Amino acid sequence: MTHELRTPLTSIRAAATTLLEAEGLDEAGRLDLVSIVDEEATRLDLLIGEAVEMAEIDANVVQVHMEPQHRARCWIRQSKSRARPFASIK
């Protein structure tokens, strides 16, 4: 897990350092680096969210409630009936 967290963090730090220190960087280059920071921050956020969820599951904070399968069957039937009118559209 440590490697998965460090990879986006390293990309963010490298892009931020380049933005701060690179003189003469054109607008396209700046936008590329800002895009990297944004994408990797999003990735890091997702990874941290997953880690928190796993920790909550391990700590029994999150509990799974099983539902009977008949609800799933009803949902599938409803979905099929709603989709039928669109099945003939070409």
N, C-alpha and C. Protein backbone atom coordinates (compact mmCIF):
# COMPACT_ATOMS: atom_id res chain seq x y z
N MET A 1 0.82 -1.19 0.00
CA MET A 1 0.00 0.00 0.00
C MET A 1 0.87 1.25 0.00
N THR A 2 1.99 1.19 0.65
CA THR A 2 2.86 2.36 0.72
C THR A 2 3.29 2.82 -0.66
N HIS A 3 3.63 1.87 -1.52
CA HIS A 3 4.07 2.22 -2.88
C HIS A 3 2.95 2.91 -3.65
N GLU A 4 1.71 2.41 -3.51
CA GLU A 4 0.58 2.99 -4.23
C GLU A 4 0.33 4.43 -3.79
N LEU A 5 0.59 4.75 -2.54
CA LEU A 5 0.41 6.12 -2.06
C LEU A 5 1.57 7.03 -2.46
N ARG A 6 2.77 6.47 -2.47
CA ARG A 6 3.94 7.29 -2.78
C ARG A 6 4.03 7.67 -4.26
N THR A 7 3.53 6.82 -5.13
CA THR A 7 3.64 7.11 -6.57
C THR A 7 2.92 8.40 -6.95
N PRO A 8 1.64 8.58 -6.61
CA PRO A 8 1.00 9.85 -6.95
C PRO A 8 1.61 11.03 -6.20
N LEU A 9 2.02 10.80 -4.97
CA LEU A 9 2.63 11.88 -4.20
C LEU A 9 3.94 12.34 -4.83
N THR A 10 4.72 11.41 -5.33
CA THR A 10 5.97 11.75 -6.01
C THR A 10 5.69 12.57 -7.26
N SER A 11 4.67 12.17 -8.02
CA SER A 11 4.31 12.92 -9.24
C SER A 11 3.86 14.34 -8.90
N ILE A 12 3.08 14.46 -7.84
CA ILE A 12 2.60 15.78 -7.42
C ILE A 12 3.77 16.66 -7.02
N ARG A 13 4.68 16.12 -6.22
CA ARG A 13 5.83 16.90 -5.76
C ARG A 13 6.73 17.30 -6.92
N ALA A 14 6.95 16.39 -7.86
CA ALA A 14 7.80 16.70 -9.01
C ALA A 14 7.18 17.80 -9.87
N ALA A 15 5.89 17.70 -10.12
CA ALA A 15 5.21 18.72 -10.92
C ALA A 15 5.21 20.07 -10.21
N ALA A 16 4.95 20.06 -8.91
CA ALA A 16 4.93 21.30 -8.15
C ALA A 16 6.31 21.95 -8.11
N THR A 17 7.34 21.15 -7.92
CA THR A 17 8.70 21.67 -7.90
C THR A 17 9.06 22.28 -9.24
N THR A 18 8.70 21.62 -10.31
CA THR A 18 8.98 22.13 -11.65
C THR A 18 8.23 23.44 -11.88
N LEU A 19 6.99 23.50 -11.45
CA LEU A 19 6.22 24.74 -11.60
C LEU A 19 6.87 25.89 -10.83
N LEU A 20 7.39 25.60 -9.66
CA LEU A 20 8.00 26.64 -8.83
C LEU A 20 9.37 27.07 -9.33
N GLU A 21 10.15 26.14 -9.86
CA GLU A 21 11.55 26.42 -10.17
C GLU A 21 11.85 26.64 -11.65
N ALA A 22 11.01 26.15 -12.53
CA ALA A 22 11.32 26.24 -13.96
C ALA A 22 11.02 27.65 -14.47
N GLU A 23 12.06 28.30 -14.96
CA GLU A 23 11.88 29.62 -15.57
C GLU A 23 11.67 29.43 -17.06
N GLY A 24 10.83 30.25 -17.62
CA GLY A 24 10.61 30.19 -19.07
C GLY A 24 9.70 29.05 -19.50
N LEU A 25 8.98 28.48 -18.56
CA LEU A 25 8.05 27.40 -18.90
C LEU A 25 6.85 28.00 -19.63
N ASP A 26 6.55 27.48 -20.81
CA ASP A 26 5.43 28.04 -21.58
C ASP A 26 4.09 27.62 -20.97
N GLU A 27 3.02 28.23 -21.46
CA GLU A 27 1.69 27.99 -20.91
C GLU A 27 1.26 26.54 -21.07
N ALA A 28 1.59 25.92 -22.21
CA ALA A 28 1.22 24.51 -22.43
C ALA A 28 1.92 23.61 -21.41
N GLY A 29 3.17 23.90 -21.14
CA GLY A 29 3.92 23.12 -20.15
C GLY A 29 3.35 23.28 -18.76
N ARG A 30 2.98 24.53 -18.42
CA ARG A 30 2.37 24.79 -17.13
C ARG A 30 1.04 24.03 -16.99
N LEU A 31 0.23 24.06 -18.05
CA LEU A 31 -1.06 23.36 -18.00
C LEU A 31 -0.87 21.85 -17.86
N ASP A 32 0.14 21.31 -18.53
CA ASP A 32 0.43 19.87 -18.41
C ASP A 32 0.78 19.52 -16.96
N LEU A 33 1.61 20.34 -16.34
CA LEU A 33 2.02 20.07 -14.97
C LEU A 33 0.85 20.23 -13.99
N VAL A 34 0.03 21.25 -14.20
CA VAL A 34 -1.15 21.44 -13.35
C VAL A 34 -2.10 20.26 -13.51
N SER A 35 -2.23 19.77 -14.73
CA SER A 35 -3.09 18.62 -14.99
C SER A 35 -2.56 17.38 -14.25
N ILE A 36 -1.26 17.21 -14.24
CA ILE A 36 -0.65 16.08 -13.51
C ILE A 36 -0.97 16.18 -12.03
N VAL A 37 -0.82 17.37 -11.47
CA VAL A 37 -1.12 17.57 -10.05
C VAL A 37 -2.58 17.22 -9.77
N ASP A 38 -3.48 17.70 -10.61
CA ASP A 38 -4.91 17.44 -10.41
C ASP A 38 -5.23 15.95 -10.50
N GLU A 39 -4.74 15.29 -11.55
CA GLU A 39 -5.03 13.86 -11.74
C GLU A 39 -4.45 13.01 -10.62
N GLU A 40 -3.23 13.29 -10.23
CA GLU A 40 -2.59 12.49 -9.19
C GLU A 40 -3.20 12.76 -7.82
N ALA A 41 -3.65 13.99 -7.57
CA ALA A 41 -4.33 14.30 -6.31
C ALA A 41 -5.64 13.52 -6.23
N THR A 42 -6.35 13.44 -7.35
CA THR A 42 -7.59 12.66 -7.39
C THR A 42 -7.30 11.19 -7.13
N ARG A 43 -6.25 10.68 -7.76
CA ARG A 43 -5.86 9.29 -7.56
C ARG A 43 -5.50 9.02 -6.10
N LEU A 44 -4.75 9.95 -5.51
CA LEU A 44 -4.36 9.82 -4.11
C LEU A 44 -5.58 9.85 -3.20
N ASP A 45 -6.52 10.72 -3.50
CA ASP A 45 -7.76 10.80 -2.73
C ASP A 45 -8.52 9.48 -2.76
N LEU A 46 -8.61 8.87 -3.95
CA LEU A 46 -9.30 7.58 -4.08
C LEU A 46 -8.59 6.49 -3.29
N LEU A 47 -7.27 6.47 -3.37
CA LEU A 47 -6.50 5.46 -2.64
C LEU A 47 -6.67 5.61 -1.13
N ILE A 48 -6.65 6.84 -0.66
CA ILE A 48 -6.83 7.08 0.77
C ILE A 48 -8.24 6.69 1.19
N GLY A 49 -9.22 7.00 0.37
CA GLY A 49 -10.59 6.61 0.66
C GLY A 49 -10.73 5.10 0.77
N GLU A 50 -10.09 4.37 -0.15
CA GLU A 50 -10.13 2.91 -0.09
C GLU A 50 -9.44 2.39 1.17
N ALA A 51 -8.32 3.01 1.53
CA ALA A 51 -7.60 2.58 2.73
C ALA A 51 -8.44 2.82 3.98
N VAL A 52 -9.14 3.95 4.03
CA VAL A 52 -10.01 4.24 5.17
C VAL A 52 -11.15 3.22 5.23
N GLU A 53 -11.75 2.92 4.09
CA GLU A 53 -12.83 1.92 4.06
C GLU A 53 -12.34 0.57 4.56
N MET A 54 -11.16 0.15 4.12
CA MET A 54 -10.62 -1.13 4.56
C MET A 54 -10.36 -1.11 6.06
N ALA A 55 -9.85 0.00 6.58
CA ALA A 55 -9.60 0.11 8.02
C ALA A 55 -10.91 0.04 8.80
N GLU A 56 -11.96 0.69 8.27
CA GLU A 56 -13.26 0.64 8.93
C GLU A 56 -13.83 -0.77 8.93
N ILE A 57 -13.66 -1.48 7.82
CA ILE A 57 -14.13 -2.87 7.76
C ILE A 57 -13.36 -3.73 8.76
N ASP A 58 -12.03 -3.55 8.80
CA ASP A 58 -11.21 -4.31 9.75
C ASP A 58 -11.59 -4.01 11.20
N ALA A 59 -12.00 -2.76 11.46
CA ALA A 59 -12.36 -2.36 12.82
C ALA A 59 -13.83 -2.65 13.14
N ASN A 60 -14.52 -3.27 12.20
CA ASN A 60 -15.95 -3.58 12.35
C ASN A 60 -16.81 -2.33 12.50
N VAL A 61 -16.35 -1.21 11.97
CA VAL A 61 -17.14 0.01 11.97
C VAL A 61 -18.21 -0.08 10.89
N VAL A 62 -17.85 -0.71 9.78
CA VAL A 62 -18.78 -0.91 8.67
C VAL A 62 -19.30 -2.33 8.75
N GLN A 63 -20.60 -2.46 8.65
CA GLN A 63 -21.19 -3.78 8.68
C GLN A 63 -21.96 -4.02 7.39
N VAL A 64 -21.85 -5.21 6.89
CA VAL A 64 -22.55 -5.59 5.67
C VAL A 64 -23.88 -6.21 6.05
N HIS A 65 -24.95 -5.70 5.43
CA HIS A 65 -26.28 -6.24 5.67
C HIS A 65 -26.73 -6.96 4.41
N MET A 66 -26.92 -8.23 4.53
CA MET A 66 -27.33 -9.04 3.39
C MET A 66 -28.84 -8.91 3.20
N GLU A 67 -29.28 -8.87 1.94
CA GLU A 67 -30.69 -8.82 1.61
C GLU A 67 -31.05 -10.07 0.82
N PRO A 68 -32.28 -10.50 0.95
CA PRO A 68 -32.70 -11.68 0.18
C PRO A 68 -32.53 -11.44 -1.32
N GLN A 69 -32.26 -12.50 -2.05
CA GLN A 69 -32.05 -12.40 -3.49
C GLN A 69 -33.29 -12.00 -4.25
N HIS A 70 -34.46 -12.21 -3.69
CA HIS A 70 -35.68 -11.90 -4.45
C HIS A 70 -35.74 -10.42 -4.79
N ARG A 71 -35.15 -9.55 -3.98
CA ARG A 71 -35.12 -8.12 -4.32
C ARG A 71 -34.34 -7.87 -5.59
N ALA A 72 -33.24 -8.59 -5.73
CA ALA A 72 -32.44 -8.44 -6.95
C ALA A 72 -33.23 -8.90 -8.16
N ARG A 73 -33.94 -10.00 -8.02
CA ARG A 73 -34.75 -10.49 -9.14
C ARG A 73 -35.83 -9.48 -9.52
N CYS A 74 -36.47 -8.88 -8.53
CA CYS A 74 -37.50 -7.86 -8.80
C CYS A 74 -36.89 -6.68 -9.53
N TRP A 75 -35.73 -6.27 -9.10
CA TRP A 75 -35.06 -5.14 -9.74
C TRP A 75 -34.73 -5.47 -11.20
N ILE A 76 -34.26 -6.68 -11.44
CA ILE A 76 -33.93 -7.09 -12.81
C ILE A 76 -35.19 -7.11 -13.67
N ARG A 77 -36.30 -7.66 -13.14
CA ARG A 77 -37.55 -7.66 -13.89
C ARG A 77 -38.01 -6.25 -14.22
N GLN A 78 -37.94 -5.36 -13.25
CA GLN A 78 -38.35 -3.96 -13.49
C GLN A 78 -37.47 -3.31 -14.55
N SER A 79 -36.18 -3.57 -14.48
CA SER A 79 -35.26 -2.99 -15.45
C SER A 79 -35.56 -3.50 -16.86
N LYS A 80 -35.84 -4.79 -16.96
CA LYS A 80 -36.17 -5.37 -18.27
C LYS A 80 -37.44 -4.74 -18.84
N SER A 81 -38.46 -4.60 -17.99
CA SER A 81 -39.72 -4.06 -18.48
C SER A 81 -39.57 -2.60 -18.89
N ARG A 82 -38.74 -1.86 -18.20
CA ARG A 82 -38.51 -0.46 -18.56
C ARG A 82 -37.69 -0.34 -19.84
N ALA A 83 -36.83 -1.31 -20.09
CA ALA A 83 -35.96 -1.25 -21.27
C ALA A 83 -36.63 -1.78 -22.52
N ARG A 84 -37.68 -2.59 -22.38
CA ARG A 84 -38.36 -3.19 -23.54
C ARG A 84 -38.73 -2.19 -24.63
N PRO A 85 -39.32 -1.04 -24.30
CA PRO A 85 -39.69 -0.09 -25.36
C PRO A 85 -38.48 0.38 -26.19
N PHE A 86 -37.31 0.37 -25.60
CA PHE A 86 -36.12 0.85 -26.30
C PHE A 86 -35.45 -0.25 -27.12
N ALA A 87 -35.84 -1.50 -26.89
CA ALA A 87 -35.21 -2.63 -27.58
C ALA A 87 -35.52 -2.62 -29.08
N SER A 88 -36.66 -2.05 -29.47
CA SER A 88 -37.01 -2.04 -30.89
C SER A 88 -36.44 -0.85 -31.63
N ILE A 89 -35.86 0.10 -30.92
CA ILE A 89 -35.26 1.27 -31.56
C ILE A 89 -33.94 0.88 -32.20
N LYS A 90 -33.78 1.24 -33.48
CA LYS A 90 -32.53 0.91 -34.19
C LYS A 90 -31.77 2.15 -34.56
